[in-house]
């Protein structure tokens, strides 16, 4: 499946004014979300609209339920991680209807800032500069169709392997307020960080007051295996108290919701 997408990628974006945009690895997840949504397996009405108008028919509902049906089970982990994070986000926004902040680390082409734009929460996105630039163009084009303006100044172009724990200082320069309730999101980004960068970033997350973290990601080499106790043994000393935990693939993917304060 990955090889097929790599081969088809130039064709899917052949008519885009931005050319081939960015790496196919990041964009592949956007296509998967659109495909799962078209198949009725994911609640994401935005993903497809961010795809090129000339080629998004490839993940239309008729094809999703016929041609692509055999591959859908292989994509179930994207559905699982999305629903886990969205569920935590929904609860967080319900408890914090005003003044909430959400920080998407390694945001890629995440659609949450668009899907939840009427929630009243301020979304901050962090990813490589090239990814941020392309996402801004996509978001602007999508919002233009509704006569809405794209929020300015809430996206940071940074390499998390280099910025590590200092990334929050940079996001605060964009307006992040440490006194307001904040949900920090990791979705399949820690895979790409070195162990020192991963540790530094998680320590910085734990140092943010009024913060919660939700992740669907890899915590190796610090956490291995499916046991909740193993994840707690790593996160508790950082000051992050577990609220929810699950795993996939024997612990290769950790689903974690934790907060600086223990749950009631």
C-alpha atoms as a PDB file:
ATOM      1  CA  UNK A   1       0.000   0.000   0.000  1.00  0.00           C
ATOM      2  CA  UNK A   2       2.793   2.418   0.893  1.00  0.00           C
ATOM      3  CA  UNK A   3       4.638   1.608  -2.329  1.00  0.00           C
ATOM      4  CA  UNK A   4       1.489   2.145  -4.368  1.00  0.00           C
ATOM      5  CA  UNK A   5       0.940   5.562  -2.844  1.00  0.00           C
ATOM      6  CA  UNK A   6       4.545   6.570  -3.449  1.00  0.00           C
ATOM      7  CA  UNK A   7       4.152   5.636  -7.109  1.00  0.00           C
ATOM      8  CA  UNK A   8       0.804   7.409  -7.503  1.00  0.00           C
ATOM      9  CA  UNK A   9       1.738  10.533  -5.558  1.00  0.00           C
ATOM     10  CA  UNK A  10       3.012  12.604  -8.541  1.00  0.00           C
ATOM     11  CA  UNK A  11      -0.240  11.896 -10.393  1.00  0.00           C
ATOM     12  CA  UNK A  12      -2.473  12.786  -7.450  1.00  0.00           C
ATOM     13  CA  UNK A  13      -0.853  16.225  -7.229  1.00  0.00           C
ATOM     14  CA  UNK A  14      -0.062  16.779 -10.899  1.00  0.00           C
ATOM     15  CA  UNK A  15      -2.541  19.639 -11.297  1.00  0.00           C
ATOM     16  CA  UNK A  16      -1.892  21.359  -7.991  1.00  0.00           C
ATOM     17  CA  UNK A  17      -0.618  24.941  -8.273  1.00  0.00           C
ATOM     18  CA  UNK A  18       1.798  24.222  -5.421  1.00  0.00           C
ATOM     19  CA  UNK A  19       3.292  21.359  -7.425  1.00  0.00           C
ATOM     20  CA  UNK A  20       4.106  18.233  -5.470  1.00  0.00           C
ATOM     21  CA  UNK A  21       3.795  20.052  -2.176  1.00  0.00           C
ATOM     22  CA  UNK A  22       5.671  18.194   0.532  1.00  0.00           C
ATOM     23  CA  UNK A  23       6.752  14.670   1.364  1.00  0.00           C
ATOM     24  CA  UNK A  24       4.272  11.959   0.494  1.00  0.00           C
ATOM     25  CA  UNK A  25       4.703  10.396   3.951  1.00  0.00           C
ATOM     26  CA  UNK A  26       2.835  13.211   5.701  1.00  0.00           C
ATOM     27  CA  UNK A  27       0.204  13.547   3.008  1.00  0.00           C
ATOM     28  CA  UNK A  28      -0.459   9.804   2.932  1.00  0.00           C
ATOM     29  CA  UNK A  29      -2.186   9.995   6.328  1.00  0.00           C
ATOM     30  CA  UNK A  30      -4.500  12.712   5.013  1.00  0.00           C
ATOM     31  CA  UNK A  31      -5.561  10.450   2.155  1.00  0.00           C
ATOM     32  CA  UNK A  32      -6.103   7.582   4.588  1.00  0.00           C
ATOM     33  CA  UNK A  33      -8.344   9.750   6.768  1.00  0.00           C
ATOM     34  CA  UNK A  34     -10.336  10.813   3.728  1.00  0.00           C
ATOM     35  CA  UNK A  35     -10.670   7.180   2.636  1.00  0.00           C
ATOM     36  CA  UNK A  36     -11.852   6.020   6.066  1.00  0.00           C
ATOM     37  CA  UNK A  37     -14.330   8.893   6.211  1.00  0.00           C
ATOM     38  CA  UNK A  38     -15.679   8.022   2.756  1.00  0.00           C
ATOM     39  CA  UNK A  39     -16.139   4.424   3.924  1.00  0.00           C
ATOM     40  CA  UNK A  40     -18.140   5.644   6.908  1.00  0.00           C
ATOM     41  CA  UNK A  41     -15.507   4.494   9.385  1.00  0.00           C
ATOM     42  CA  UNK A  42     -14.220   7.894  10.535  1.00  0.00           C
ATOM     43  CA  UNK A  43     -15.909  11.183  11.381  1.00  0.00           C
ATOM     44  CA  UNK A  44     -13.776  13.612   9.399  1.00  0.00           C
ATOM     45  CA  UNK A  45     -15.533  15.766   6.870  1.00  0.00           C
ATOM     46  CA  UNK A  46     -12.496  17.967   6.311  1.00  0.00           C
ATOM     47  CA  UNK A  47      -9.783  15.565   5.135  1.00  0.00           C
ATOM     48  CA  UNK A  48     -11.231  15.007   1.669  1.00  0.00           C
ATOM     49  CA  UNK A  49     -11.680  18.745   1.133  1.00  0.00           C
ATOM     50  CA  UNK A  50      -7.958  19.298   1.664  1.00  0.00           C
ATOM     51  CA  UNK A  51      -7.105  16.928  -1.184  1.00  0.00           C
ATOM     52  CA  UNK A  52      -6.666  18.105  -4.783  1.00  0.00           C
ATOM     53  CA  UNK A  53     -10.059  18.674  -6.400  1.00  0.00           C
ATOM     54  CA  UNK A  54      -8.932  16.908  -9.556  1.00  0.00           C
ATOM     55  CA  UNK A  55      -7.946  13.659  -7.853  1.00  0.00           C
ATOM     56  CA  UNK A  56      -9.956  13.358  -4.622  1.00  0.00           C
ATOM     57  CA  UNK A  57     -12.435  11.126  -6.489  1.00  0.00           C
ATOM     58  CA  UNK A  58      -9.906   8.347  -5.831  1.00  0.00           C
ATOM     59  CA  UNK A  59     -11.184   8.195  -2.244  1.00  0.00           C
ATOM     60  CA  UNK A  60     -14.869   8.736  -3.019  1.00  0.00           C
ATOM     61  CA  UNK A  61     -17.503   6.690  -1.195  1.00  0.00           C
ATOM     62  CA  UNK A  62     -18.222   4.326  -4.127  1.00  0.00           C
ATOM     63  CA  UNK A  63     -14.538   3.411  -4.474  1.00  0.00           C
ATOM     64  CA  UNK A  64     -13.984   3.297  -0.718  1.00  0.00           C
ATOM     65  CA  UNK A  65     -16.608   0.583  -0.390  1.00  0.00           C
ATOM     66  CA  UNK A  66     -15.549  -1.419  -3.446  1.00  0.00           C
ATOM     67  CA  UNK A  67     -12.024  -1.015  -4.786  1.00  0.00           C
ATOM     68  CA  UNK A  68     -10.469  -0.035  -1.449  1.00  0.00           C
ATOM     69  CA  UNK A  69     -12.578  -2.277   0.783  1.00  0.00           C
ATOM     70  CA  UNK A  70      -9.896  -5.020   1.118  1.00  0.00           C
ATOM     71  CA  UNK A  71      -7.300  -2.569   2.487  1.00  0.00           C
ATOM     72  CA  UNK A  72      -9.534  -0.872   5.052  1.00  0.00           C
ATOM     73  CA  UNK A  73      -8.738  -3.344   7.875  1.00  0.00           C
ATOM     74  CA  UNK A  74      -5.039  -2.501   7.493  1.00  0.00           C
ATOM     75  CA  UNK A  75      -5.871   1.146   8.169  1.00  0.00           C
ATOM     76  CA  UNK A  76      -7.820   0.500  11.360  1.00  0.00           C
ATOM     77  CA  UNK A  77      -5.041   1.828  13.588  1.00  0.00           C
ATOM     78  CA  UNK A  78      -5.487   5.290  12.084  1.00  0.00           C
ATOM     79  CA  UNK A  79      -9.179   5.063  12.991  1.00  0.00           C
ATOM     80  CA  UNK A  80      -8.347   3.892  16.521  1.00  0.00           C
ATOM     81  CA  UNK A  81      -5.797   6.593  17.253  1.00  0.00           C
ATOM     82  CA  UNK A  82      -8.011   9.324  15.789  1.00  0.00           C
ATOM     83  CA  UNK A  83     -11.026   8.289  17.815  1.00  0.00           C
ATOM     84  CA  UNK A  84      -8.997   8.001  21.015  1.00  0.00           C
ATOM     85  CA  UNK A  85      -7.562  11.502  20.670  1.00  0.00           C
ATOM     86  CA  UNK A  86     -10.860  13.010  19.500  1.00  0.00           C
ATOM     87  CA  UNK A  87     -12.647  11.480  22.473  1.00  0.00           C
ATOM     88  CA  UNK A  88     -10.195  13.025  24.929  1.00  0.00           C
ATOM     89  CA  UNK A  89     -10.387  16.330  23.063  1.00  0.00           C
ATOM     90  CA  UNK A  90     -14.197  16.309  23.195  1.00  0.00           C
ATOM     91  CA  UNK A  91     -14.150  15.734  26.958  1.00  0.00           C
ATOM     92  CA  UNK A  92     -11.494  18.414  27.457  1.00  0.00           C
ATOM     93  CA  UNK A  93     -13.501  21.010  25.548  1.00  0.00           C
ATOM     94  CA  UNK A  94     -16.695  20.074  27.379  1.00  0.00           C
ATOM     95  CA  UNK A  95     -15.004  20.755  30.719  1.00  0.00           C
ATOM     96  CA  UNK A  96     -13.245  23.874  29.403  1.00  0.00           C
ATOM     97  CA  UNK A  97     -15.758  25.600  27.102  1.00  0.00           C
ATOM     98  CA  UNK A  98     -13.937  28.939  27.320  1.00  0.00           C
ATOM     99  CA  UNK A  99     -10.264  29.750  27.068  1.00  0.00           C
ATOM    100  CA  UNK A 100      -9.077  26.257  26.141  1.00  0.00           C
ATOM    101  CA  UNK A 101      -5.864  25.761  24.166  1.00  0.00           C
ATOM    102  CA  UNK A 102      -4.759  22.770  22.103  1.00  0.00           C
ATOM    103  CA  UNK A 103      -1.165  22.238  20.989  1.00  0.00           C
ATOM    104  CA  UNK A 104      -0.652  19.768  18.136  1.00  0.00           C
ATOM    105  CA  UNK A 105       2.988  18.658  18.157  1.00  0.00           C
ATOM    106  CA  UNK A 106       4.126  17.189  14.862  1.00  0.00           C
ATOM    107  CA  UNK A 107       0.772  18.267  13.477  1.00  0.00           C
ATOM    108  CA  UNK A 108       1.393  17.345   9.855  1.00  0.00           C
ATOM    109  CA  UNK A 109      -1.900  17.663   7.992  1.00  0.00           C
ATOM    110  CA  UNK A 110      -4.020  17.119  11.087  1.00  0.00           C
ATOM    111  CA  UNK A 111      -7.576  18.351  10.504  1.00  0.00           C
ATOM    112  CA  UNK A 112      -8.544  19.098  14.119  1.00  0.00           C
ATOM    113  CA  UNK A 113      -7.881  22.842  14.016  1.00  0.00           C
ATOM    114  CA  UNK A 114     -10.399  22.997  11.148  1.00  0.00           C
ATOM    115  CA  UNK A 115     -12.872  20.421  12.444  1.00  0.00           C
ATOM    116  CA  UNK A 116     -13.025  22.092  15.857  1.00  0.00           C
ATOM    117  CA  UNK A 117     -12.759  25.687  14.698  1.00  0.00           C
ATOM    118  CA  UNK A 118     -16.157  26.565  16.175  1.00  0.00           C
ATOM    119  CA  UNK A 119     -15.279  25.163  19.601  1.00  0.00           C
ATOM    120  CA  UNK A 120     -13.791  28.412  20.876  1.00  0.00           C
ATOM    121  CA  UNK A 121     -10.431  26.750  21.573  1.00  0.00           C
ATOM    122  CA  UNK A 122      -7.164  28.199  20.298  1.00  0.00           C
ATOM    123  CA  UNK A 123      -5.225  25.614  18.282  1.00  0.00           C
ATOM    124  CA  UNK A 124      -1.440  25.816  17.907  1.00  0.00           C
ATOM    125  CA  UNK A 125       0.349  23.606  15.386  1.00  0.00           C
ATOM    126  CA  UNK A 126       4.037  22.678  15.317  1.00  0.00           C
ATOM    127  CA  UNK A 127       5.811  20.886  12.500  1.00  0.00           C
ATOM    128  CA  UNK A 128       8.626  21.328  10.011  1.00  0.00           C
ATOM    129  CA  UNK A 129       8.542  24.704   8.224  1.00  0.00           C
ATOM    130  CA  UNK A 130       7.774  23.183   4.818  1.00  0.00           C
ATOM    131  CA  UNK A 131       4.844  21.222   6.250  1.00  0.00           C
ATOM    132  CA  UNK A 132       3.474  24.294   8.032  1.00  0.00           C
ATOM    133  CA  UNK A 133       3.641  26.333   4.818  1.00  0.00           C
ATOM    134  CA  UNK A 134       1.727  23.748   2.805  1.00  0.00           C
ATOM    135  CA  UNK A 135      -0.839  23.203   5.569  1.00  0.00           C
ATOM    136  CA  UNK A 136      -1.462  26.949   5.691  1.00  0.00           C
ATOM    137  CA  UNK A 137      -2.208  26.989   1.957  1.00  0.00           C
ATOM    138  CA  UNK A 138      -4.543  24.019   2.312  1.00  0.00           C
ATOM    139  CA  UNK A 139      -6.347  25.542   5.290  1.00  0.00           C
ATOM    140  CA  UNK A 140      -6.728  28.923   3.588  1.00  0.00           C
ATOM    141  CA  UNK A 141      -8.220  27.326   0.501  1.00  0.00           C
ATOM    142  CA  UNK A 142     -10.626  25.276   2.610  1.00  0.00           C
ATOM    143  CA  UNK A 143     -11.733  28.231   4.750  1.00  0.00           C
ATOM    144  CA  UNK A 144     -12.061  30.499   1.714  1.00  0.00           C
ATOM    145  CA  UNK A 145     -14.853  28.209   0.508  1.00  0.00           C
ATOM    146  CA  UNK A 146     -16.813  29.217   3.639  1.00  0.00           C
ATOM    147  CA  UNK A 147     -15.850  32.868   3.460  1.00  0.00           C
ATOM    148  CA  UNK A 148     -13.656  32.488   6.540  1.00  0.00           C
ATOM    149  CA  UNK A 149     -10.126  33.704   7.150  1.00  0.00           C
ATOM    150  CA  UNK A 150      -7.320  31.402   8.218  1.00  0.00           C
ATOM    151  CA  UNK A 151      -6.121  32.223  11.784  1.00  0.00           C
ATOM    152  CA  UNK A 152      -2.739  33.907  11.674  1.00  0.00           C
ATOM    153  CA  UNK A 153       0.226  33.344  13.948  1.00  0.00           C
ATOM    154  CA  UNK A 154      -0.706  30.042  15.550  1.00  0.00           C
ATOM    155  CA  UNK A 155       1.594  27.759  13.579  1.00  0.00           C
ATOM    156  CA  UNK A 156       5.263  27.218  14.347  1.00  0.00           C
ATOM    157  CA  UNK A 157       7.750  25.811  11.886  1.00  0.00           C
ATOM    158  CA  UNK A 158      10.307  23.883  13.926  1.00  0.00           C
ATOM    159  CA  UNK A 159      12.238  20.618  13.929  1.00  0.00           C
ATOM    160  CA  UNK A 160      11.263  18.857  17.154  1.00  0.00           C
ATOM    161  CA  UNK A 161      14.530  16.919  17.130  1.00  0.00           C
ATOM    162  CA  UNK A 162      16.325  20.241  17.469  1.00  0.00           C
ATOM    163  CA  UNK A 163      13.838  22.368  19.400  1.00  0.00           C
ATOM    164  CA  UNK A 164      13.002  19.601  21.902  1.00  0.00           C
ATOM    165  CA  UNK A 165      11.867  21.071  25.214  1.00  0.00           C
ATOM    166  CA  UNK A 166      12.381  24.659  24.055  1.00  0.00           C
ATOM    167  CA  UNK A 167       9.481  24.408  21.649  1.00  0.00           C
ATOM    168  CA  UNK A 168       6.995  25.678  24.239  1.00  0.00           C
ATOM    169  CA  UNK A 169       8.950  28.898  24.675  1.00  0.00           C
ATOM    170  CA  UNK A 170       8.522  29.449  20.949  1.00  0.00           C
ATOM    171  CA  UNK A 171       4.815  28.618  20.990  1.00  0.00           C
ATOM    172  CA  UNK A 172       4.307  31.045  23.884  1.00  0.00           C
ATOM    173  CA  UNK A 173       5.671  33.768  21.617  1.00  0.00           C
ATOM    174  CA  UNK A 174       2.707  32.996  19.344  1.00  0.00           C
ATOM    175  CA  UNK A 175       0.240  33.517  22.180  1.00  0.00           C
ATOM    176  CA  UNK A 176       0.110  30.280  24.174  1.00  0.00           C
ATOM    177  CA  UNK A 177      -0.907  31.195  27.732  1.00  0.00           C
ATOM    178  CA  UNK A 178       0.410  28.847  30.415  1.00  0.00           C
ATOM    179  CA  UNK A 179      -2.356  29.960  32.793  1.00  0.00           C
ATOM    180  CA  UNK A 180      -5.103  28.603  30.565  1.00  0.00           C
ATOM    181  CA  UNK A 181      -6.156  24.931  30.357  1.00  0.00           C
ATOM    182  CA  UNK A 182      -4.103  23.265  27.637  1.00  0.00           C
ATOM    183  CA  UNK A 183      -4.290  19.892  25.903  1.00  0.00           C
ATOM    184  CA  UNK A 184      -1.056  18.771  24.246  1.00  0.00           C
ATOM    185  CA  UNK A 185      -1.461  16.222  21.465  1.00  0.00           C
ATOM    186  CA  UNK A 186       1.029  13.705  20.080  1.00  0.00           C
ATOM    187  CA  UNK A 187      -0.147  11.540  17.199  1.00  0.00           C
ATOM    188  CA  UNK A 188       2.455   9.287  15.592  1.00  0.00           C
ATOM    189  CA  UNK A 189       5.243  11.866  15.834  1.00  0.00           C
ATOM    190  CA  UNK A 190       7.484  10.466  18.579  1.00  0.00           C
ATOM    191  CA  UNK A 191       8.468   7.671  16.177  1.00  0.00           C
ATOM    192  CA  UNK A 192      10.602  10.230  14.368  1.00  0.00           C
ATOM    193  CA  UNK A 193      12.386  11.720  17.366  1.00  0.00           C
ATOM    194  CA  UNK A 194      15.675  10.591  18.871  1.00  0.00           C
ATOM    195  CA  UNK A 195      15.435   9.242  22.451  1.00  0.00           C
ATOM    196  CA  UNK A 196      17.070  12.405  23.908  1.00  0.00           C
ATOM    197  CA  UNK A 197      14.692  14.645  21.958  1.00  0.00           C
ATOM    198  CA  UNK A 198      11.715  12.512  22.972  1.00  0.00           C
ATOM    199  CA  UNK A 199      12.679  12.646  26.659  1.00  0.00           C
ATOM    200  CA  UNK A 200      13.324  16.396  26.584  1.00  0.00           C
ATOM    201  CA  UNK A 201      10.000  17.100  24.902  1.00  0.00           C
ATOM    202  CA  UNK A 202       8.001  14.954  27.327  1.00  0.00           C
ATOM    203  CA  UNK A 203       9.736  16.639  30.263  1.00  0.00           C
ATOM    204  CA  UNK A 204       8.782  20.019  28.831  1.00  0.00           C
ATOM    205  CA  UNK A 205       5.189  18.863  28.438  1.00  0.00           C
ATOM    206  CA  UNK A 206       5.117  17.803  32.076  1.00  0.00           C
ATOM    207  CA  UNK A 207       6.430  21.217  33.108  1.00  0.00           C
ATOM    208  CA  UNK A 208       3.503  23.086  31.552  1.00  0.00           C
ATOM    209  CA  UNK A 209       1.029  24.225  34.231  1.00  0.00           C
ATOM    210  CA  UNK A 210      -2.646  23.485  33.651  1.00  0.00           C
ATOM    211  CA  UNK A 211      -1.686  20.966  30.988  1.00  0.00           C
ATOM    212  CA  UNK A 212      -2.973  17.584  29.957  1.00  0.00           C
ATOM    213  CA  UNK A 213      -1.417  15.337  27.347  1.00  0.00           C
ATOM    214  CA  UNK A 214      -3.014  12.840  25.002  1.00  0.00           C
ATOM    215  CA  UNK A 215      -0.865  10.669  22.816  1.00  0.00           C
ATOM    216  CA  UNK A 216      -1.238   7.821  20.388  1.00  0.00           C
ATOM    217  CA  UNK A 217       2.412   7.207  19.801  1.00  0.00           C
ATOM    218  CA  UNK A 218       5.547   5.236  20.515  1.00  0.00           C
ATOM    219  CA  UNK A 219       7.308   5.754  23.866  1.00  0.00           C
ATOM    220  CA  UNK A 220      10.253   3.407  23.335  1.00  0.00           C
ATOM    221  CA  UNK A 221      12.885   3.067  24.669  1.00  0.00           C
ATOM    222  CA  UNK A 222      11.296   4.442  27.845  1.00  0.00           C
ATOM    223  CA  UNK A 223       8.132   2.355  27.760  1.00  0.00           C
ATOM    224  CA  UNK A 224       7.888  -1.089  26.210  1.00  0.00           C
ATOM    225  CA  UNK A 225       5.078  -3.589  26.394  1.00  0.00           C
ATOM    226  CA  UNK A 226       1.335  -3.234  26.961  1.00  0.00           C
ATOM    227  CA  UNK A 227       1.264  -2.883  30.756  1.00  0.00           C
ATOM    228  CA  UNK A 228      -0.257   0.311  32.114  1.00  0.00           C
ATOM    229  CA  UNK A 229       2.149   0.083  35.042  1.00  0.00           C
ATOM    230  CA  UNK A 230       5.106   0.442  32.677  1.00  0.00           C
ATOM    231  CA  UNK A 231       3.725   3.677  31.246  1.00  0.00           C
ATOM    232  CA  UNK A 232       2.902   4.987  34.713  1.00  0.00           C
ATOM    233  CA  UNK A 233       6.408   4.170  35.934  1.00  0.00           C
ATOM    234  CA  UNK A 234       7.806   6.508  33.290  1.00  0.00           C
ATOM    235  CA  UNK A 235       5.197   9.293  33.375  1.00  0.00           C
ATOM    236  CA  UNK A 236       4.498   9.587  37.106  1.00  0.00           C
ATOM    237  CA  UNK A 237       8.036  10.765  38.016  1.00  0.00           C
ATOM    238  CA  UNK A 238       7.615  13.473  35.380  1.00  0.00           C
ATOM    239  CA  UNK A 239       4.507  14.671  37.207  1.00  0.00           C
ATOM    240  CA  UNK A 240       2.029  13.279  34.671  1.00  0.00           C
ATOM    241  CA  UNK A 241      -0.766  11.259  36.270  1.00  0.00           C
ATOM    242  CA  UNK A 242      -2.465   8.643  34.126  1.00  0.00           C
ATOM    243  CA  UNK A 243      -6.158   9.038  33.369  1.00  0.00           C
ATOM    244  CA  UNK A 244      -6.550   6.546  30.528  1.00  0.00           C
ATOM    245  CA  UNK A 245      -4.328   3.950  28.899  1.00  0.00           C
ATOM    246  CA  UNK A 246      -4.459   1.375  26.127  1.00  0.00           C
ATOM    247  CA  UNK A 247      -2.026  -0.073  23.611  1.00  0.00           C
ATOM    248  CA  UNK A 248      -1.723  -1.601  20.152  1.00  0.00           C
ATOM    249  CA  UNK A 249       0.704  -4.159  18.800  1.00  0.00           C
ATOM    250  CA  UNK A 250       2.040  -5.320  22.142  1.00  0.00           C
ATOM    251  CA  UNK A 251       2.779  -1.795  23.325  1.00  0.00           C
ATOM    252  CA  UNK A 252       4.428  -0.467  20.172  1.00  0.00           C
ATOM    253  CA  UNK A 253       1.679   2.157  20.168  1.00  0.00           C
ATOM    254  CA  UNK A 254       0.737   3.665  23.512  1.00  0.00           C
ATOM    255  CA  UNK A 255      -2.621   5.391  23.959  1.00  0.00           C
ATOM    256  CA  UNK A 256      -2.225   7.723  26.934  1.00  0.00           C
ATOM    257  CA  UNK A 257      -4.218  10.471  28.551  1.00  0.00           C
ATOM    258  CA  UNK A 258      -2.378  12.043  31.466  1.00  0.00           C
ATOM    259  CA  UNK A 259      -2.477  15.286  33.403  1.00  0.00           C
ATOM    260  CA  UNK A 260      -0.305  17.259  35.782  1.00  0.00           C
ATOM    261  CA  UNK A 261      -2.895  16.762  38.487  1.00  0.00           C
ATOM    262  CA  UNK A 262      -4.395  13.427  39.446  1.00  0.00           C
ATOM    263  CA  UNK A 263      -7.968  12.879  38.344  1.00  0.00           C
ATOM    264  CA  UNK A 264     -10.706  13.183  40.942  1.00  0.00           C
END
